[in-house]
Amino acid sequence: MFDLQLTPDSEPDPPAAAVAPPAWDLTVGLISATVQLDQRNGDAATRRVGTGFLIDAPRPDGQPRTVLVTAHHVLDGMPAPDARIGWRVERLEGGWRFAPEPLRIREEDGDPVWTRHPERDIAVMEVSAPPAFARAAIPLGWLADANTLDAWQVGPGDELLTLGFPRGYSSNTAGFPILRTGRVASWPLTPIDAFPVFLLDFPVFPGNSGGPVFWTPAARKLPGSVQPEHPFIAGVLVSEVRPGDEPLGLGIVAHAVYVREAIALLDAASP
């Protein structure tokens, strides 16, 4: 935050809201909205880990709502009624601490609490988030729609960022996600009906699934291409390319439009 100081003879600067924040600030916003999801396996010595991120998606009546987005297989692979969601708390004396809490993902009869996209590996569910996380949730408008990638000329070689918890690791003991980069590795990307997923050139590990794949000005675009006017989430990391037991270092990303569609299904199910 910068203070605006004017002298009597100066022209006022644009209002603060019209000045784009630095790229790192936009990236930190997505870091703040990304959380670890995990559940102990039956042996209690290991755990299943995935990644989720929060979207600010008001209910149809306008009431505020925080929606957790992840890959369907992350939640589907957790058989117990409760998983954990990795909230983080800022200490009054400075620093942060990891403060996971139970997250109910199944009814008593085993039915899932989340809503699944009918065709894609996408799951969404409303969550009761701590106030700091509700404020950090990414606006619904940041989810790319069917025209976004074409409008901003996103194509092969463009760099996108992704957040996750590879093999359950976080960037520190406070539980913040690990930020990584990859380049779009497939073509064409649209129309989305014909190409529902695209490839991202980066090594994928268990725990990355469900993480956001996004663009901010911190990511590079090819010279001569259009620079987007605002950050956007291009999709969700849902899998890796692994013929047999040999990983190819390629992630599979489902387009963000399917998150929009899944949230619409959540709206339709609302009382």
Protein backbone atom coordinates (compact mmCIF):
# COMPACT_ATOMS: atom_id res chain seq x y z
CA MET A 1 0.00 0.00 0.00
CA PHE A 2 1.40 3.40 -1.02
CA ASP A 3 0.34 6.77 0.38
CA LEU A 4 -0.68 9.30 -2.27
CA GLN A 5 0.85 12.73 -1.70
CA LEU A 6 -0.15 15.71 -3.83
CA THR A 7 1.39 19.14 -4.04
CA PRO A 8 -0.92 22.12 -4.80
CA ASP A 9 0.32 22.31 -8.41
CA SER A 10 0.32 18.58 -9.20
CA GLU A 11 -2.27 16.53 -11.05
CA PRO A 12 -3.72 13.67 -9.03
CA ASP A 13 -2.47 10.18 -9.79
CA PRO A 14 -4.95 7.46 -10.81
CA PRO A 15 -6.83 5.97 -7.84
CA ALA A 16 -5.08 3.07 -6.17
CA ALA A 17 -7.63 0.58 -7.49
CA ALA A 18 -6.65 1.46 -11.06
CA VAL A 19 -2.96 0.74 -10.50
CA ALA A 20 -2.03 -2.88 -11.16
CA PRO A 21 -0.33 -4.56 -8.20
CA PRO A 22 3.10 -6.07 -8.78
CA ALA A 23 3.25 -9.56 -10.27
CA TRP A 24 4.56 -11.11 -7.06
CA ASP A 25 1.52 -9.75 -5.22
CA LEU A 26 -0.85 -11.49 -7.61
CA THR A 27 1.11 -14.72 -7.23
CA VAL A 28 1.04 -14.43 -3.45
CA GLY A 29 -2.73 -14.05 -3.66
CA LEU A 30 -3.00 -17.46 -5.31
CA ILE A 31 -0.53 -18.94 -2.85
CA SER A 32 -2.74 -17.68 -0.01
CA ALA A 33 -5.80 -19.36 -1.55
CA THR A 34 -4.15 -22.78 -2.06
CA VAL A 35 -4.37 -25.47 0.63
CA GLN A 36 -3.20 -29.00 1.29
CA LEU A 37 -5.77 -31.79 1.53
CA ASP A 38 -4.84 -35.06 3.17
CA GLN A 39 -6.12 -38.17 4.89
CA ARG A 40 -4.32 -40.92 6.76
CA ASN A 41 -4.23 -44.28 5.04
CA GLY A 42 -5.34 -47.43 6.82
CA ASP A 43 -1.82 -48.17 8.02
CA ALA A 44 -1.76 -44.76 9.79
CA ALA A 45 1.88 -44.38 8.77
CA THR A 46 1.22 -42.90 5.34
CA ARG A 47 -1.29 -40.43 4.00
CA ARG A 48 -2.95 -39.51 0.76
CA VAL A 49 -2.26 -35.89 -0.20
CA GLY A 50 -3.74 -33.55 -2.77
CA THR A 51 -4.05 -29.86 -3.45
CA GLY A 52 -7.07 -27.58 -3.46
CA PHE A 53 -7.72 -23.89 -3.93
CA LEU A 54 -10.48 -21.53 -2.86
CA ILE A 55 -12.83 -19.57 -5.10
CA ASP A 56 -15.08 -16.72 -3.98
CA ALA A 57 -18.32 -17.82 -5.65
CA PRO A 58 -21.42 -16.15 -4.14
CA ARG A 59 -24.62 -18.20 -4.00
CA PRO A 60 -27.32 -17.49 -6.58
CA ASP A 61 -29.08 -15.25 -4.02
CA GLY A 62 -25.91 -13.18 -3.60
CA GLN A 63 -24.91 -14.57 -0.21
CA PRO A 64 -21.13 -15.02 0.20
CA ARG A 65 -19.74 -18.49 -0.35
CA THR A 66 -16.26 -20.00 -0.38
CA VAL A 67 -15.85 -22.97 -2.71
CA LEU A 68 -13.02 -25.49 -2.55
CA VAL A 69 -11.80 -26.74 -5.94
CA THR A 70 -9.69 -29.87 -6.42
CA ALA A 71 -9.42 -32.95 -8.61
CA HIS A 72 -12.26 -35.42 -8.12
CA HIS A 73 -9.87 -38.35 -7.69
CA VAL A 74 -8.21 -36.63 -4.72
CA LEU A 75 -11.41 -36.74 -2.66
CA ASP A 76 -12.68 -39.97 -4.17
CA GLY A 77 -9.50 -41.71 -3.04
CA MET A 78 -10.08 -40.69 0.58
CA PRO A 79 -12.53 -43.29 1.98
CA ALA A 80 -12.99 -41.93 5.53
CA PRO A 81 -15.70 -39.35 6.24
CA ASP A 82 -13.21 -36.66 7.28
CA ALA A 83 -10.11 -35.41 5.51
CA ARG A 84 -7.92 -32.55 6.69
CA ILE A 85 -7.63 -29.11 5.14
CA GLY A 86 -4.39 -27.26 5.77
CA TRP A 87 -5.31 -23.85 7.09
CA ARG A 88 -2.47 -21.52 8.08
CA VAL A 89 -2.56 -18.97 10.89
CA GLU A 90 -0.49 -15.80 11.09
CA ARG A 91 1.03 -15.41 14.55
CA LEU A 92 0.58 -12.14 16.43
CA GLU A 93 4.29 -12.15 17.24
CA GLY A 94 5.14 -12.72 13.58
CA GLY A 95 5.45 -15.73 11.33
CA TRP A 96 2.93 -18.43 10.54
CA ARG A 97 1.88 -21.85 11.83
CA PHE A 98 0.25 -24.80 10.14
CA ALA A 99 -3.23 -25.32 11.58
CA PRO A 100 -5.06 -28.14 9.75
CA GLU A 101 -8.66 -28.91 10.65
CA PRO A 102 -11.06 -31.76 9.83
CA LEU A 103 -13.02 -31.39 6.61
CA ARG A 104 -16.16 -33.49 6.22
CA ILE A 105 -16.11 -34.97 2.72
CA ARG A 106 -18.63 -37.83 3.07
CA GLU A 107 -22.04 -38.32 4.60
CA GLU A 108 -22.59 -41.03 7.20
CA ASP A 109 -23.73 -43.40 4.46
CA GLY A 110 -20.52 -42.76 2.51
CA ASP A 111 -22.03 -40.50 -0.14
CA PRO A 112 -19.71 -37.67 -1.18
CA VAL A 113 -20.33 -34.14 0.06
CA TRP A 114 -18.60 -32.66 -2.98
CA THR A 115 -20.08 -32.05 -6.42
CA ARG A 116 -18.30 -33.69 -9.33
CA HIS A 117 -18.18 -32.45 -12.89
CA PRO A 118 -19.97 -35.17 -14.88
CA GLU A 119 -17.21 -35.53 -17.50
CA ARG A 120 -13.98 -34.14 -16.02
CA ASP A 121 -11.80 -34.90 -13.00
CA ILE A 122 -13.02 -31.79 -11.16
CA ALA A 123 -14.68 -31.56 -7.73
CA VAL A 124 -16.09 -28.55 -5.90
CA MET A 125 -17.65 -28.13 -2.48
CA GLU A 126 -18.68 -25.30 -0.23
CA VAL A 127 -16.43 -24.92 2.82
CA SER A 128 -16.56 -22.90 5.99
CA ALA A 129 -13.22 -21.12 5.75
CA PRO A 130 -11.53 -19.02 8.42
CA PRO A 131 -12.05 -15.30 7.72
CA ALA A 132 -8.50 -14.82 6.41
CA PHE A 133 -8.98 -17.63 3.89
CA ALA A 134 -12.44 -16.44 2.87
CA ARG A 135 -10.87 -13.07 2.08
CA ALA A 136 -8.04 -14.78 0.18
CA ALA A 137 -10.41 -16.80 -2.04
CA ILE A 138 -9.89 -16.03 -5.72
CA PRO A 139 -12.71 -14.16 -7.50
CA LEU A 140 -14.87 -16.33 -9.74
CA GLY A 141 -14.04 -13.99 -12.61
CA TRP A 142 -10.40 -15.13 -12.51
CA LEU A 143 -11.43 -18.54 -13.84
CA ALA A 144 -10.80 -18.66 -17.57
CA ASP A 145 -13.86 -19.15 -19.72
CA ALA A 146 -14.12 -20.83 -23.11
CA ASN A 147 -12.68 -17.76 -24.89
CA THR A 148 -9.92 -16.65 -22.50
CA LEU A 149 -6.99 -18.60 -23.94
CA ASP A 150 -7.79 -17.43 -27.46
CA ALA A 151 -8.34 -13.83 -26.35
CA TRP A 152 -4.94 -13.68 -24.66
CA GLN A 153 -3.22 -15.76 -27.35
CA VAL A 154 -2.06 -18.47 -24.95
CA GLY A 155 -0.23 -21.14 -26.89
CA PRO A 156 2.69 -23.59 -27.04
CA GLY A 157 5.76 -22.37 -25.19
CA ASP A 158 3.90 -19.89 -23.00
CA GLU A 159 4.75 -20.21 -19.33
CA LEU A 160 2.15 -20.94 -16.68
CA LEU A 161 2.57 -21.26 -12.92
CA THR A 162 1.21 -24.00 -10.71
CA LEU A 163 0.92 -24.59 -6.97
CA GLY A 164 0.86 -27.86 -5.08
CA PHE A 165 2.25 -30.21 -2.47
CA PRO A 166 4.40 -32.74 -4.38
CA ARG A 167 4.69 -35.94 -2.34
CA GLY A 168 3.14 -34.05 0.55
CA TYR A 169 5.95 -31.52 0.81
CA SER A 170 5.20 -27.87 1.43
CA SER A 171 7.51 -24.91 0.99
CA ASN A 172 7.97 -24.56 4.77
CA THR A 173 6.65 -25.73 8.14
CA ALA A 174 3.74 -23.27 7.88
CA GLY A 175 2.23 -25.39 5.10
CA PHE A 176 2.45 -22.99 2.16
CA PRO A 177 2.33 -24.63 -1.28
CA ILE A 178 5.31 -24.99 -3.58
CA LEU A 179 5.28 -22.73 -6.64
CA ARG A 180 6.53 -24.21 -9.90
CA THR A 181 6.52 -23.26 -13.57
CA GLY A 182 5.88 -25.13 -16.78
CA ARG A 183 5.35 -24.39 -20.43
CA VAL A 184 2.29 -25.19 -22.49
CA ALA A 185 3.31 -28.35 -24.34
CA SER A 186 0.35 -29.13 -26.59
CA TRP A 187 -1.56 -27.62 -29.50
CA PRO A 188 -4.28 -26.76 -30.25
CA LEU A 189 -5.80 -25.71 -26.93
CA THR A 190 -9.21 -24.80 -28.29
CA PRO A 191 -12.03 -25.31 -28.98
CA ILE A 192 -12.38 -26.69 -25.49
CA ASP A 193 -15.16 -29.09 -26.49
CA ALA A 194 -12.66 -30.81 -28.78
CA PHE A 195 -9.61 -30.40 -26.52
CA PRO A 196 -10.85 -30.57 -22.89
CA VAL A 197 -7.32 -30.87 -21.47
CA PHE A 198 -3.87 -29.59 -22.39
CA LEU A 199 -0.31 -30.55 -21.47
CA LEU A 200 2.10 -28.62 -19.26
CA ASP A 201 5.82 -29.36 -19.40
CA PHE A 202 6.83 -29.96 -15.77
CA PRO A 203 7.38 -33.05 -13.57
CA VAL A 204 4.23 -34.10 -11.70
CA PHE A 205 4.24 -35.97 -8.39
CA PRO A 206 1.53 -37.38 -6.13
CA GLY A 207 0.16 -34.43 -4.17
CA ASN A 208 0.14 -32.04 -7.13
CA SER A 209 -3.32 -33.13 -8.25
CA GLY A 210 -5.98 -30.46 -7.80
CA GLY A 211 -3.60 -27.52 -7.90
CA PRO A 212 -4.35 -24.35 -9.88
CA VAL A 213 -2.54 -23.70 -13.15
CA PHE A 214 -2.51 -19.97 -13.71
CA TRP A 215 -1.01 -16.93 -15.37
CA THR A 216 0.19 -13.73 -13.74
CA PRO A 217 2.71 -11.18 -15.05
CA ALA A 218 5.39 -13.18 -13.22
CA ALA A 219 5.03 -15.79 -15.99
CA ARG A 220 6.69 -15.23 -19.35
CA LYS A 221 4.94 -15.12 -22.69
CA LEU A 222 6.52 -15.51 -26.10
CA PRO A 223 7.77 -12.26 -27.67
CA GLY A 224 5.16 -10.54 -29.80
CA SER A 225 2.18 -12.21 -28.16
CA VAL A 226 -0.62 -10.37 -26.37
CA GLN A 227 -0.07 -9.63 -22.68
CA PRO A 228 -3.23 -10.39 -20.64
CA GLU A 229 -4.73 -7.49 -18.72
CA HIS A 230 -5.27 -9.44 -15.51
CA PRO A 231 -4.31 -12.78 -13.95
CA PHE A 232 -6.41 -15.83 -14.66
CA ILE A 233 -6.63 -19.49 -13.71
CA ALA A 234 -6.21 -21.53 -16.89
CA GLY A 235 -7.11 -24.87 -15.36
CA VAL A 236 -6.61 -27.57 -12.74
CA LEU A 237 -3.75 -30.08 -12.68
CA VAL A 238 -5.52 -33.45 -12.76
CA SER A 239 -2.92 -36.03 -13.76
CA GLU A 240 0.41 -36.78 -15.42
CA VAL A 241 1.40 -38.50 -18.63
CA ARG A 242 2.83 -41.86 -17.57
CA PRO A 243 2.98 -44.61 -20.19
CA GLY A 244 3.58 -47.72 -18.11
CA ASP A 245 5.86 -46.92 -15.17
CA GLU A 246 7.85 -44.23 -16.96
CA PRO A 247 6.89 -40.61 -16.23
CA LEU A 248 7.35 -38.21 -19.13
CA GLY A 249 7.51 -35.00 -17.06
CA LEU A 250 4.17 -33.77 -18.44
CA GLY A 251 1.12 -32.65 -16.51
CA ILE A 252 -2.46 -32.93 -17.74
CA VAL A 253 -4.53 -29.80 -17.11
CA ALA A 254 -8.34 -29.65 -17.29
CA HIS A 255 -9.60 -26.29 -18.51
CA ALA A 256 -10.96 -23.89 -15.90
CA VAL A 257 -14.27 -23.66 -17.72
CA TYR A 258 -15.09 -27.05 -16.17
CA VAL A 259 -14.66 -25.53 -12.72
CA ARG A 260 -17.20 -22.91 -13.73
CA GLU A 261 -19.55 -25.66 -14.87
CA ALA A 262 -19.08 -27.62 -11.63
CA ILE A 263 -19.87 -24.52 -9.57
CA ALA A 264 -23.01 -24.05 -11.67
CA LEU A 265 -24.03 -27.60 -10.71
CA LEU A 266 -23.39 -26.68 -7.07
CA ASP A 267 -25.70 -23.69 -7.57
CA ALA A 268 -28.38 -25.92 -9.06
CA ALA A 269 -28.25 -28.18 -6.02
CA SER A 270 -28.58 -25.28 -3.57
CA PRO A 271 -31.92 -25.13 -1.76
